[in-house]
Amino acid sequence: MTSARFASTPKPPYWVVVFTALRKDADPAYDAMGAKMFELATSQPGFLGIEAAHDSEGFGVTAIYYTDETSILAWKANAEHLVAQQLGKERWYAHYEVRVARVERAYGGP
């Protein structure tokens, strides 16, 4: 049984962007922007799926899966996403890390 919390990805290879962040204080504008970016990201060419987990202290990890690196670069350059990135740097994140990788092998269980 697969949970809706898990992204449905094809047989590798495909790509993943892992965004890990520690937020500053809670801000309703962040939640609104996050919802907008989620909706926008899911409509981008090459988008495969997303998985995210966040704790009550503002730490979160989001994995976004794409068909190819070109799709990742297009998402990074999206005008609305650029605004969100800038606001994140200026207002919302104490620290963040972005990691981009090609998935060569994937499996699940039990």
PDB file of N, CA and C in Angstrom:
ATOM      1  N   MET A   1       0.846  -1.179   0.000  1.00  0.00           N
ATOM      2  CA  MET A   1       0.000   0.000   0.000  1.00  0.00           C
ATOM      3  C   MET A   1       0.892   1.243   0.000  1.00  0.00           C
ATOM      4  N   THR A   2       0.646   2.174  -0.899  1.00  0.00           N
ATOM      5  CA  THR A   2       1.425   3.405  -0.997  1.00  0.00           C
ATOM      6  C   THR A   2       0.616   4.550  -0.416  1.00  0.00           C
ATOM      7  N   SER A   3       1.280   5.334   0.408  1.00  0.00           N
ATOM      8  CA  SER A   3       0.630   6.490   1.013  1.00  0.00           C
ATOM      9  C   SER A   3       0.710   7.681   0.071  1.00  0.00           C
ATOM     10  N   ALA A   4      -0.290   8.552   0.144  1.00  0.00           N
ATOM     11  CA  ALA A   4      -0.283   9.777  -0.657  1.00  0.00           C
ATOM     12  C   ALA A   4       0.869  10.692  -0.256  1.00  0.00           C
ATOM     13  N   ARG A   5       1.508  10.415   0.855  1.00  0.00           N
ATOM     14  CA  ARG A   5       2.655  11.222   1.289  1.00  0.00           C
ATOM     15  C   ARG A   5       3.906  10.938   0.471  1.00  0.00           C
ATOM     16  N   PHE A   6       3.915   9.826  -0.218  1.00  0.00           N
ATOM     17  CA  PHE A   6       5.063   9.449  -1.032  1.00  0.00           C
ATOM     18  C   PHE A   6       4.831   9.847  -2.479  1.00  0.00           C
ATOM     19  N   ALA A   7       5.847  10.425  -3.098  1.00  0.00           N
ATOM     20  CA  ALA A   7       5.762  10.778  -4.510  1.00  0.00           C
ATOM     21  C   ALA A   7       5.761   9.505  -5.344  1.00  0.00           C
ATOM     22  N   SER A   8       5.004   9.517  -6.394  1.00  0.00           N
ATOM     23  CA  SER A   8       4.986   8.398  -7.330  1.00  0.00           C
ATOM     24  C   SER A   8       5.977   8.724  -8.439  1.00  0.00           C
ATOM     25  N   THR A   9       7.092   8.055  -8.434  1.00  0.00           N
ATOM     26  CA  THR A   9       8.152   8.352  -9.402  1.00  0.00           C
ATOM     27  C   THR A   9       8.321   7.173 -10.361  1.00  0.00           C
ATOM     28  N   PRO A  10       8.842   7.451 -11.548  1.00  0.00           N
ATOM     29  CA  PRO A  10       9.060   6.370 -12.520  1.00  0.00           C
ATOM     30  C   PRO A  10      10.330   5.588 -12.179  1.00  0.00           C
ATOM     31  N   LYS A  11      10.597   4.600 -12.969  1.00  0.00           N
ATOM     32  CA  LYS A  11      11.847   3.862 -12.854  1.00  0.00           C
ATOM     33  C   LYS A  11      12.998   4.832 -13.129  1.00  0.00           C
ATOM     34  N   PRO A  12      14.068   4.813 -12.323  1.00  0.00           N
ATOM     35  CA  PRO A  12      15.207   5.718 -12.555  1.00  0.00           C
ATOM     36  C   PRO A  12      15.831   5.455 -13.924  1.00  0.00           C
ATOM     37  N   PRO A  13      16.537   6.473 -14.433  1.00  0.00           N
ATOM     38  CA  PRO A  13      16.969   7.683 -13.735  1.00  0.00           C
ATOM     39  C   PRO A  13      15.942   8.811 -13.812  1.00  0.00           C
ATOM     40  N   TYR A  14      15.970   9.629 -12.800  1.00  0.00           N
ATOM     41  CA  TYR A  14      15.248  10.898 -12.746  1.00  0.00           C
ATOM     42  C   TYR A  14      16.036  11.778 -11.775  1.00  0.00           C
ATOM     43  N   TRP A  15      15.556  12.966 -11.496  1.00  0.00           N
ATOM     44  CA  TRP A  15      16.307  13.931 -10.702  1.00  0.00           C
ATOM     45  C   TRP A  15      15.541  14.337  -9.440  1.00  0.00           C
ATOM     46  N   VAL A  16      16.266  14.798  -8.451  1.00  0.00           N
ATOM     47  CA  VAL A  16      15.649  15.285  -7.214  1.00  0.00           C
ATOM     48  C   VAL A  16      16.366  16.551  -6.748  1.00  0.00           C
ATOM     49  N   VAL A  17      15.587  17.488  -6.260  1.00  0.00           N
ATOM     50  CA  VAL A  17      16.105  18.665  -5.557  1.00  0.00           C
ATOM     51  C   VAL A  17      15.669  18.502  -4.114  1.00  0.00           C
ATOM     52  N   VAL A  18      16.641  18.510  -3.210  1.00  0.00           N
ATOM     53  CA  VAL A  18      16.341  18.407  -1.786  1.00  0.00           C
ATOM     54  C   VAL A  18      16.584  19.782  -1.169  1.00  0.00           C
ATOM     55  N   PHE A  19      15.529  20.360  -0.636  1.00  0.00           N
ATOM     56  CA  PHE A  19      15.588  21.687  -0.012  1.00  0.00           C
ATOM     57  C   PHE A  19      15.389  21.500   1.488  1.00  0.00           C
ATOM     58  N   THR A  20      16.424  21.814   2.246  1.00  0.00           N
ATOM     59  CA  THR A  20      16.397  21.697   3.701  1.00  0.00           C
ATOM     60  C   THR A  20      16.523  23.099   4.268  1.00  0.00           C
ATOM     61  N   ALA A  21      15.631  23.455   5.202  1.00  0.00           N
ATOM     62  CA  ALA A  21      15.636  24.831   5.697  1.00  0.00           C
ATOM     63  C   ALA A  21      15.246  24.907   7.165  1.00  0.00           C
ATOM     64  N   LEU A  22      15.776  25.924   7.796  1.00  0.00           N
ATOM     65  CA  LEU A  22      15.392  26.294   9.154  1.00  0.00           C
ATOM     66  C   LEU A  22      14.753  27.671   9.055  1.00  0.00           C
ATOM     67  N   ARG A  23      13.472  27.729   9.386  1.00  0.00           N
ATOM     68  CA  ARG A  23      12.740  28.991   9.296  1.00  0.00           C
ATOM     69  C   ARG A  23      13.004  29.876  10.495  1.00  0.00           C
ATOM     70  N   LYS A  24      12.840  31.167  10.239  1.00  0.00           N
ATOM     71  CA  LYS A  24      12.842  32.138  11.324  1.00  0.00           C
ATOM     72  C   LYS A  24      11.468  32.069  11.975  1.00  0.00           C
ATOM     73  N   ASP A  25      10.998  33.123  12.555  1.00  0.00           N
ATOM     74  CA  ASP A  25       9.690  33.143  13.208  1.00  0.00           C
ATOM     75  C   ASP A  25       8.568  32.837  12.220  1.00  0.00           C
ATOM     76  N   ALA A  26       7.467  32.318  12.757  1.00  0.00           N
ATOM     77  CA  ALA A  26       6.291  32.014  11.935  1.00  0.00           C
ATOM     78  C   ALA A  26       5.794  33.291  11.258  1.00  0.00           C
ATOM     79  N   ASP A  27       5.337  33.144  10.025  1.00  0.00           N
ATOM     80  CA  ASP A  27       4.843  34.275   9.249  1.00  0.00           C
ATOM     81  C   ASP A  27       3.743  33.749   8.333  1.00  0.00           C
ATOM     82  N   PRO A  28       2.516  34.239   8.492  1.00  0.00           N
ATOM     83  CA  PRO A  28       1.424  33.777   7.631  1.00  0.00           C
ATOM     84  C   PRO A  28       1.711  33.971   6.140  1.00  0.00           C
ATOM     85  N   ALA A  29       2.496  34.976   5.797  1.00  0.00           N
ATOM     86  CA  ALA A  29       2.838  35.213   4.397  1.00  0.00           C
ATOM     87  C   ALA A  29       3.666  34.050   3.836  1.00  0.00           C
ATOM     88  N   TYR A  30       4.461  33.427   4.692  1.00  0.00           N
ATOM     89  CA  TYR A  30       5.264  32.271   4.271  1.00  0.00           C
ATOM     90  C   TYR A  30       4.342  31.119   3.879  1.00  0.00           C
ATOM     91  N   ASP A  31       3.351  30.850   4.706  1.00  0.00           N
ATOM     92  CA  ASP A  31       2.422  29.758   4.419  1.00  0.00           C
ATOM     93  C   ASP A  31       1.673  30.003   3.117  1.00  0.00           C
ATOM     94  N   ALA A  32       1.257  31.229   2.891  1.00  0.00           N
ATOM     95  CA  ALA A  32       0.557  31.574   1.653  1.00  0.00           C
ATOM     96  C   ALA A  32       1.474  31.393   0.442  1.00  0.00           C
ATOM     97  N   MET A  33       2.714  31.841   0.566  1.00  0.00           N
ATOM     98  CA  MET A  33       3.662  31.696  -0.539  1.00  0.00           C
ATOM     99  C   MET A  33       3.978  30.222  -0.768  1.00  0.00           C
ATOM    100  N   GLY A  34       4.108  29.456   0.302  1.00  0.00           N
ATOM    101  CA  GLY A  34       4.374  28.032   0.169  1.00  0.00           C
ATOM    102  C   GLY A  34       3.265  27.316  -0.599  1.00  0.00           C
ATOM    103  N   ALA A  35       2.019  27.654  -0.297  1.00  0.00           N
ATOM    104  CA  ALA A  35       0.893  27.049  -1.004  1.00  0.00           C
ATOM    105  C   ALA A  35       0.912  27.439  -2.481  1.00  0.00           C
ATOM    106  N   LYS A  36       1.229  28.696  -2.744  1.00  0.00           N
ATOM    107  CA  LYS A  36       1.293  29.177  -4.129  1.00  0.00           C
ATOM    108  C   LYS A  36       2.424  28.471  -4.890  1.00  0.00           C
ATOM    109  N   MET A  37       3.596  28.319  -4.255  1.00  0.00           N
ATOM    110  CA  MET A  37       4.725  27.670  -4.913  1.00  0.00           C
ATOM    111  C   MET A  37       4.446  26.189  -5.149  1.00  0.00           C
ATOM    112  N   PHE A  38       3.758  25.539  -4.202  1.00  0.00           N
ATOM    113  CA  PHE A  38       3.397  24.136  -4.381  1.00  0.00           C
ATOM    114  C   PHE A  38       2.512  23.976  -5.612  1.00  0.00           C
ATOM    115  N   GLU A  39       1.496  24.810  -5.721  1.00  0.00           N
ATOM    116  CA  GLU A  39       0.588  24.747  -6.862  1.00  0.00           C
ATOM    117  C   GLU A  39       1.329  25.014  -8.171  1.00  0.00           C
ATOM    118  N   LEU A  40       2.188  26.012  -8.163  1.00  0.00           N
ATOM    119  CA  LEU A  40       2.949  26.354  -9.359  1.00  0.00           C
ATOM    120  C   LEU A  40       3.928  25.241  -9.728  1.00  0.00           C
ATOM    121  N   ALA A  41       4.638  24.703  -8.737  1.00  0.00           N
ATOM    122  CA  ALA A  41       5.636  23.659  -8.995  1.00  0.00           C
ATOM    123  C   ALA A  41       5.003  22.422  -9.619  1.00  0.00           C
ATOM    124  N   THR A  42       3.835  22.042  -9.137  1.00  0.00           N
ATOM    125  CA  THR A  42       3.198  20.827  -9.648  1.00  0.00           C
ATOM    126  C   THR A  42       2.735  20.957 -11.093  1.00  0.00           C
ATOM    127  N   SER A  43       2.653  22.187 -11.596  1.00  0.00           N
ATOM    128  CA  SER A  43       2.226  22.392 -12.979  1.00  0.00           C
ATOM    129  C   SER A  43       3.405  22.593 -13.934  1.00  0.00           C
ATOM    130  N   GLN A  44       4.623  22.548 -13.428  1.00  0.00           N
ATOM    131  CA  GLN A  44       5.797  22.781 -14.261  1.00  0.00           C
ATOM    132  C   GLN A  44       6.130  21.554 -15.105  1.00  0.00           C
ATOM    133  N   PRO A  45       6.568  21.773 -16.351  1.00  0.00           N
ATOM    134  CA  PRO A  45       7.011  20.642 -17.176  1.00  0.00           C
ATOM    135  C   PRO A  45       8.140  19.887 -16.473  1.00  0.00           C
ATOM    136  N   GLY A  46       8.059  18.568 -16.496  1.00  0.00           N
ATOM    137  CA  GLY A  46       9.091  17.735 -15.904  1.00  0.00           C
ATOM    138  C   GLY A  46       8.868  17.406 -14.446  1.00  0.00           C
ATOM    139  N   PHE A  47       7.892  18.021 -13.796  1.00  0.00           N
ATOM    140  CA  PHE A  47       7.609  17.742 -12.384  1.00  0.00           C
ATOM    141  C   PHE A  47       7.055  16.327 -12.250  1.00  0.00           C
ATOM    142  N   LEU A  48       7.606  15.564 -11.291  1.00  0.00           N
ATOM    143  CA  LEU A  48       7.137  14.200 -11.044  1.00  0.00           C
ATOM    144  C   LEU A  48       6.396  14.056  -9.720  1.00  0.00           C
ATOM    145  N   GLY A  49       6.858  14.757  -8.692  1.00  0.00           N
ATOM    146  CA  GLY A  49       6.237  14.605  -7.381  1.00  0.00           C
ATOM    147  C   GLY A  49       7.012  15.344  -6.317  1.00  0.00           C
ATOM    148  N   ILE A  50       6.438  15.344  -5.120  1.00  0.00           N
ATOM    149  CA  ILE A  50       7.044  16.077  -4.005  1.00  0.00           C
ATOM    150  C   ILE A  50       6.780  15.325  -2.710  1.00  0.00           C
ATOM    151  N   GLU A  51       7.752  15.366  -1.821  1.00  0.00           N
ATOM    152  CA  GLU A  51       7.631  14.821  -0.467  1.00  0.00           C
ATOM    153  C   GLU A  51       8.185  15.855   0.493  1.00  0.00           C
ATOM    154  N   ALA A  52       7.497  16.074   1.601  1.00  0.00           N
ATOM    155  CA  ALA A  52       7.948  17.096   2.543  1.00  0.00           C
ATOM    156  C   ALA A  52       7.639  16.683   3.973  1.00  0.00           C
ATOM    157  N   ALA A  53       8.505  17.116   4.874  1.00  0.00           N
ATOM    158  CA  ALA A  53       8.294  16.914   6.305  1.00  0.00           C
ATOM    159  C   ALA A  53       8.835  18.140   7.027  1.00  0.00           C
ATOM    160  N   HIS A  54       8.055  18.629   7.992  1.00  0.00           N
ATOM    161  CA  HIS A  54       8.432  19.823   8.744  1.00  0.00           C
ATOM    162  C   HIS A  54       8.114  19.600  10.212  1.00  0.00           C
ATOM    163  N   ASP A  55       8.970  20.127  11.077  1.00  0.00           N
ATOM    164  CA  ASP A  55       8.690  19.980  12.498  1.00  0.00           C
ATOM    165  C   ASP A  55       8.174  21.291  13.093  1.00  0.00           C
ATOM    166  N   SER A  56       7.823  21.250  14.359  1.00  0.00           N
ATOM    167  CA  SER A  56       7.227  22.416  15.015  1.00  0.00           C
ATOM    168  C   SER A  56       8.240  23.509  15.331  1.00  0.00           C
ATOM    169  N   GLU A  57       9.520  23.237  15.143  1.00  0.00           N
ATOM    170  CA  GLU A  57      10.561  24.226  15.424  1.00  0.00           C
ATOM    171  C   GLU A  57      11.043  24.946  14.173  1.00  0.00           C
ATOM    172  N   GLY A  58      10.364  24.716  13.039  1.00  0.00           N
ATOM    173  CA  GLY A  58      10.708  25.434  11.822  1.00  0.00           C
ATOM    174  C   GLY A  58      11.706  24.745  10.915  1.00  0.00           C
ATOM    175  N   PHE A  59      12.071  23.495  11.228  1.00  0.00           N
ATOM    176  CA  PHE A  59      13.003  22.756  10.381  1.00  0.00           C
ATOM    177  C   PHE A  59      12.197  21.909   9.399  1.00  0.00           C
ATOM    178  N   GLY A  60      12.585  21.952   8.131  1.00  0.00           N
ATOM    179  CA  GLY A  60      11.861  21.174   7.136  1.00  0.00           C
ATOM    180  C   GLY A  60      12.752  20.646   6.036  1.00  0.00           C
ATOM    181  N   VAL A  61      12.313  19.554   5.438  1.00  0.00           N
ATOM    182  CA  VAL A  61      12.991  18.950   4.302  1.00  0.00           C
ATOM    183  C   VAL A  61      11.944  18.701   3.222  1.00  0.00           C
ATOM    184  N   THR A  62      12.229  19.169   2.022  1.00  0.00           N
ATOM    185  CA  THR A  62      11.339  18.958   0.887  1.00  0.00           C
ATOM    186  C   THR A  62      12.151  18.352  -0.246  1.00  0.00           C
ATOM    187  N   ALA A  63      11.670  17.233  -0.780  1.00  0.00           N
ATOM    188  CA  ALA A  63      12.291  16.591  -1.939  1.00  0.00           C
ATOM    189  C   ALA A  63      11.331  16.750  -3.110  1.00  0.00           C
ATOM    190  N   ILE A  64      11.831  17.341  -4.192  1.00  0.00           N
ATOM    191  CA  ILE A  64      11.010  17.568  -5.378  1.00  0.00           C
ATOM    192  C   ILE A  64      11.652  16.795  -6.534  1.00  0.00           C
ATOM    193  N   TYR A  65      10.867  15.963  -7.176  1.00  0.00           N
ATOM    194  CA  TYR A  65      11.360  15.061  -8.215  1.00  0.00           C
ATOM    195  C   TYR A  65      11.014  15.587  -9.601  1.00  0.00           C
ATOM    196  N   TYR A  66      11.994  15.462 -10.515  1.00  0.00           N
ATOM    197  CA  TYR A  66      11.859  15.954 -11.881  1.00  0.00           C
ATOM    198  C   TYR A  66      12.355  14.912 -12.875  1.00  0.00           C
ATOM    199  N   THR A  67      11.882  15.022 -14.084  1.00  0.00           N
ATOM    200  CA  THR A  67      12.317  14.099 -15.129  1.00  0.00           C
ATOM    201  C   THR A  67      13.767  14.330 -15.550  1.00  0.00           C
ATOM    202  N   ASP A  68      14.207  15.592 -15.514  1.00  0.00           N
ATOM    203  CA  ASP A  68      15.540  15.910 -16.026  1.00  0.00           C
ATOM    204  C   ASP A  68      16.062  17.214 -15.412  1.00  0.00           C
ATOM    205  N   GLU A  69      17.335  17.457 -15.622  1.00  0.00           N
ATOM    206  CA  GLU A  69      17.977  18.643 -15.064  1.00  0.00           C
ATOM    207  C   GLU A  69      17.475  19.926 -15.718  1.00  0.00           C
ATOM    208  N   THR A  70      17.117  19.870 -16.983  1.00  0.00           N
ATOM    209  CA  THR A  70      16.586  21.052 -17.672  1.00  0.00           C
ATOM    210  C   THR A  70      15.323  21.555 -16.979  1.00  0.00           C
ATOM    211  N   SER A  71      14.474  20.649 -16.538  1.00  0.00           N
ATOM    212  CA  SER A  71      13.245  21.029 -15.825  1.00  0.00           C
ATOM    213  C   SER A  71      13.576  21.722 -14.504  1.00  0.00           C
ATOM    214  N   ILE A  72      14.602  21.263 -13.825  1.00  0.00           N
ATOM    215  CA  ILE A  72      15.032  21.884 -12.563  1.00  0.00           C
ATOM    216  C   ILE A  72      15.505  23.309 -12.821  1.00  0.00           C
ATOM    217  N   LEU A  73      16.316  23.491 -13.844  1.00  0.00           N
ATOM    218  CA  LEU A  73      16.821  24.828 -14.166  1.00  0.00           C
ATOM    219  C   LEU A  73      15.690  25.773 -14.562  1.00  0.00           C
ATOM    220  N   ALA A  74      14.687  25.256 -15.261  1.00  0.00           N
ATOM    221  CA  ALA A  74      13.540  26.086 -15.638  1.00  0.00           C
ATOM    222  C   ALA A  74      12.758  26.502 -14.396  1.00  0.00           C
ATOM    223  N   TRP A  75      12.583  25.590 -13.443  1.00  0.00           N
ATOM    224  CA  TRP A  75      11.869  25.919 -12.203  1.00  0.00           C
ATOM    225  C   TRP A  75      12.655  26.952 -11.403  1.00  0.00           C
ATOM    226  N   LYS A  76      13.962  26.783 -11.311  1.00  0.00           N
ATOM    227  CA  LYS A  76      14.793  27.732 -10.568  1.00  0.00           C
ATOM    228  C   LYS A  76      14.687  29.141 -11.152  1.00  0.00           C
ATOM    229  N   ALA A  77      14.514  29.239 -12.474  1.00  0.00           N
ATOM    230  CA  ALA A  77      14.455  30.529 -13.149  1.00  0.00           C
ATOM    231  C   ALA A  77      13.035  31.081 -13.294  1.00  0.00           C
ATOM    232  N   ASN A  78      12.025  30.345 -12.857  1.00  0.00           N
ATOM    233  CA  ASN A  78      10.639  30.811 -12.955  1.00  0.00           C
ATOM    234  C   ASN A  78      10.494  32.133 -12.211  1.00  0.00           C
ATOM    235  N   ALA A  79       9.869  33.126 -12.847  1.00  0.00           N
ATOM    236  CA  ALA A  79       9.783  34.479 -12.283  1.00  0.00           C
ATOM    237  C   ALA A  79       9.112  34.511 -10.909  1.00  0.00           C
ATOM    238  N   GLU A  80       8.005  33.799 -10.747  1.00  0.00           N
ATOM    239  CA  GLU A  80       7.320  33.784  -9.446  1.00  0.00           C
ATOM    240  C   GLU A  80       8.153  33.065  -8.390  1.00  0.00           C
ATOM    241  N   HIS A  81       8.843  32.014  -8.800  1.00  0.00           N
ATOM    242  CA  HIS A  81       9.711  31.286  -7.884  1.00  0.00           C
ATOM    243  C   HIS A  81      10.906  32.144  -7.471  1.00  0.00           C
ATOM    244  N   LEU A  82      11.421  32.967  -8.383  1.00  0.00           N
ATOM    245  CA  LEU A  82      12.527  33.874  -8.053  1.00  0.00           C
ATOM    246  C   LEU A  82      12.122  34.850  -6.946  1.00  0.00           C
ATOM    247  N   VAL A  83      10.890  35.343  -6.996  1.00  0.00           N
ATOM    248  CA  VAL A  83      10.388  36.239  -5.947  1.00  0.00           C
ATOM    249  C   VAL A  83      10.349  35.496  -4.618  1.00  0.00           C
ATOM    250  N   ALA A  84       9.832  34.272  -4.618  1.00  0.00           N
ATOM    251  CA  ALA A  84       9.763  33.473  -3.388  1.00  0.00           C
ATOM    252  C   ALA A  84      11.165  33.192  -2.837  1.00  0.00           C
ATOM    253  N   GLN A  85      12.107  32.896  -3.725  1.00  0.00           N
ATOM    254  CA  GLN A  85      13.486  32.648  -3.295  1.00  0.00           C
ATOM    255  C   GLN A  85      14.059  33.875  -2.584  1.00  0.00           C
ATOM    256  N   GLN A  86      13.854  35.034  -3.169  1.00  0.00           N
ATOM    257  CA  GLN A  86      14.384  36.265  -2.582  1.00  0.00           C
ATOM    258  C   GLN A  86      13.755  36.550  -1.222  1.00  0.00           C
ATOM    259  N   LEU A  87      12.444  36.394  -1.120  1.00  0.00           N
ATOM    260  CA  LEU A  87      11.770  36.601   0.164  1.00  0.00           C
ATOM    261  C   LEU A  87      12.266  35.600   1.207  1.00  0.00           C
ATOM    262  N   GLY A  88      12.510  34.384   0.778  1.00  0.00           N
ATOM    263  CA  GLY A  88      13.047  33.381   1.690  1.00  0.00           C
ATOM    264  C   GLY A  88      14.387  33.816   2.259  1.00  0.00           C
ATOM    265  N   LYS A  89      15.262  34.296   1.411  1.00  0.00           N
ATOM    266  CA  LYS A  89      16.578  34.757   1.848  1.00  0.00           C
ATOM    267  C   LYS A  89      16.473  35.955   2.780  1.00  0.00           C
ATOM    268  N   GLU A  90      15.585  36.888   2.440  1.00  0.00           N
ATOM    269  CA  GLU A  90      15.478  38.133   3.202  1.00  0.00           C
ATOM    270  C   GLU A  90      14.674  38.002   4.490  1.00  0.00           C
ATOM    271  N   ARG A  91      13.604  37.204   4.470  1.00  0.00           N
ATOM    272  CA  ARG A  91      12.653  37.227   5.584  1.00  0.00           C
ATOM    273  C   ARG A  91      12.446  35.908   6.309  1.00  0.00           C
ATOM    274  N   TRP A  92      12.473  34.782   5.592  1.00  0.00           N
ATOM    275  CA  TRP A  92      11.919  33.568   6.174  1.00  0.00           C
ATOM    276  C   TRP A  92      12.916  32.532   6.661  1.00  0.00           C
ATOM    277  N   TYR A  93      14.114  32.483   6.110  1.00  0.00           N
ATOM    278  CA  TYR A  93      15.033  31.401   6.469  1.00  0.00           C
ATOM    279  C   TYR A  93      16.220  31.883   7.293  1.00  0.00           C
ATOM    280  N   ALA A  94      16.464  31.179   8.393  1.00  0.00           N
ATOM    281  CA  ALA A  94      17.682  31.397   9.168  1.00  0.00           C
ATOM    282  C   ALA A  94      18.856  30.739   8.435  1.00  0.00           C
ATOM    283  N   HIS A  95      18.560  29.607   7.771  1.00  0.00           N
ATOM    284  CA  HIS A  95      19.570  28.889   6.992  1.00  0.00           C
ATOM    285  C   HIS A  95      18.849  27.910   6.076  1.00  0.00           C
ATOM    286  N   TYR A  96      19.450  27.642   4.913  1.00  0.00           N
ATOM    287  CA  TYR A  96      18.900  26.624   4.025  1.00  0.00           C
ATOM    288  C   TYR A  96      20.026  25.973   3.231  1.00  0.00           C
ATOM    289  N   GLU A  97      19.745  24.800   2.719  1.00  0.00           N
ATOM    290  CA  GLU A  97      20.654  24.053   1.846  1.00  0.00           C
ATOM    291  C   GLU A  97      19.838  23.521   0.683  1.00  0.00           C
ATOM    292  N   VAL A  98      20.417  23.553  -0.511  1.00  0.00           N
ATOM    293  CA  VAL A  98      19.798  22.977  -1.695  1.00  0.00           C
ATOM    294  C   VAL A  98      20.769  21.945  -2.253  1.00  0.00           C
ATOM    295  N   ARG A  99      20.252  20.755  -2.502  1.00  0.00           N
ATOM    296  CA  ARG A  99      21.063  19.686  -3.075  1.00  0.00           C
ATOM    297  C   ARG A  99      20.324  19.137  -4.294  1.00  0.00           C
ATOM    298  N   VAL A 100      21.054  18.988  -5.384  1.00  0.00           N
ATOM    299  CA  VAL A 100      20.483  18.495  -6.634  1.00  0.00           C
ATOM    300  C   VAL A 100      21.218  17.206  -6.996  1.00  0.00           C
ATOM    301  N   ALA A 101      20.444  16.163  -7.306  1.00  0.00           N
ATOM    302  CA  ALA A 101      21.075  14.876  -7.597  1.00  0.00           C
ATOM    303  C   ALA A 101      20.273  14.102  -8.637  1.00  0.00           C
ATOM    304  N   ARG A 102      20.960  13.256  -9.337  1.00  0.00           N
ATOM    305  CA  ARG A 102      20.321  12.318 -10.263  1.00  0.00           C
ATOM    306  C   ARG A 102      20.068  11.026  -9.490  1.00  0.00           C
ATOM    307  N   VAL A 103      18.864  10.554  -9.534  1.00  0.00           N
ATOM    308  CA  VAL A 103      18.507   9.296  -8.860  1.00  0.00           C
ATOM    309  C   VAL A 103      18.814   8.154  -9.811  1.00  0.00           C
ATOM    310  N   GLU A 104      19.709   7.290  -9.391  1.00  0.00           N
ATOM    311  CA  GLU A 104      20.127   6.161 -10.205  1.00  0.00           C
ATOM    312  C   GLU A 104      19.448   4.856  -9.794  1.00  0.00           C
ATOM    313  N   ARG A 105      19.043   4.795  -8.527  1.00  0.00           N
ATOM    314  CA  ARG A 105      18.446   3.578  -7.998  1.00  0.00           C
ATOM    315  C   ARG A 105      17.382   3.996  -6.987  1.00  0.00           C
ATOM    316  N   ALA A 106      16.259   3.314  -7.000  1.00  0.00           N
ATOM    317  CA  ALA A 106      15.195   3.613  -6.048  1.00  0.00           C
ATOM    318  C   ALA A 106      14.410   2.335  -5.762  1.00  0.00           C
ATOM    319  N   TYR A 107      14.042   2.158  -4.516  1.00  0.00           N
ATOM    320  CA  TYR A 107      13.223   0.998  -4.132  1.00  0.00           C
ATOM    321  C   TYR A 107      12.507   1.334  -2.853  1.00  0.00           C
ATOM    322  N   GLY A 108      11.504   0.582  -2.507  1.00  0.00           N
ATOM    323  CA  GLY A 108      10.710   0.825  -1.302  1.00  0.00           C
ATOM    324  C   GLY A 108      10.361  -0.488  -0.630  1.00  0.00           C
ATOM    325  N   GLY A 109       9.609  -0.361   0.431  1.00  0.00           N
ATOM    326  CA  GLY A 109       9.234  -1.563   1.161  1.00  0.00           C
ATOM    327  C   GLY A 109       8.047  -1.289   2.054  1.00  0.00           C
ATOM    328  N   PRO A 110       7.566  -2.162   2.817  1.00  0.00           N
ATOM    329  CA  PRO A 110       8.179  -3.478   3.084  1.00  0.00           C
ATOM    330  C   PRO A 110       7.956  -4.335   1.917  1.00  0.00           C
TER     331      PRO A 110
END
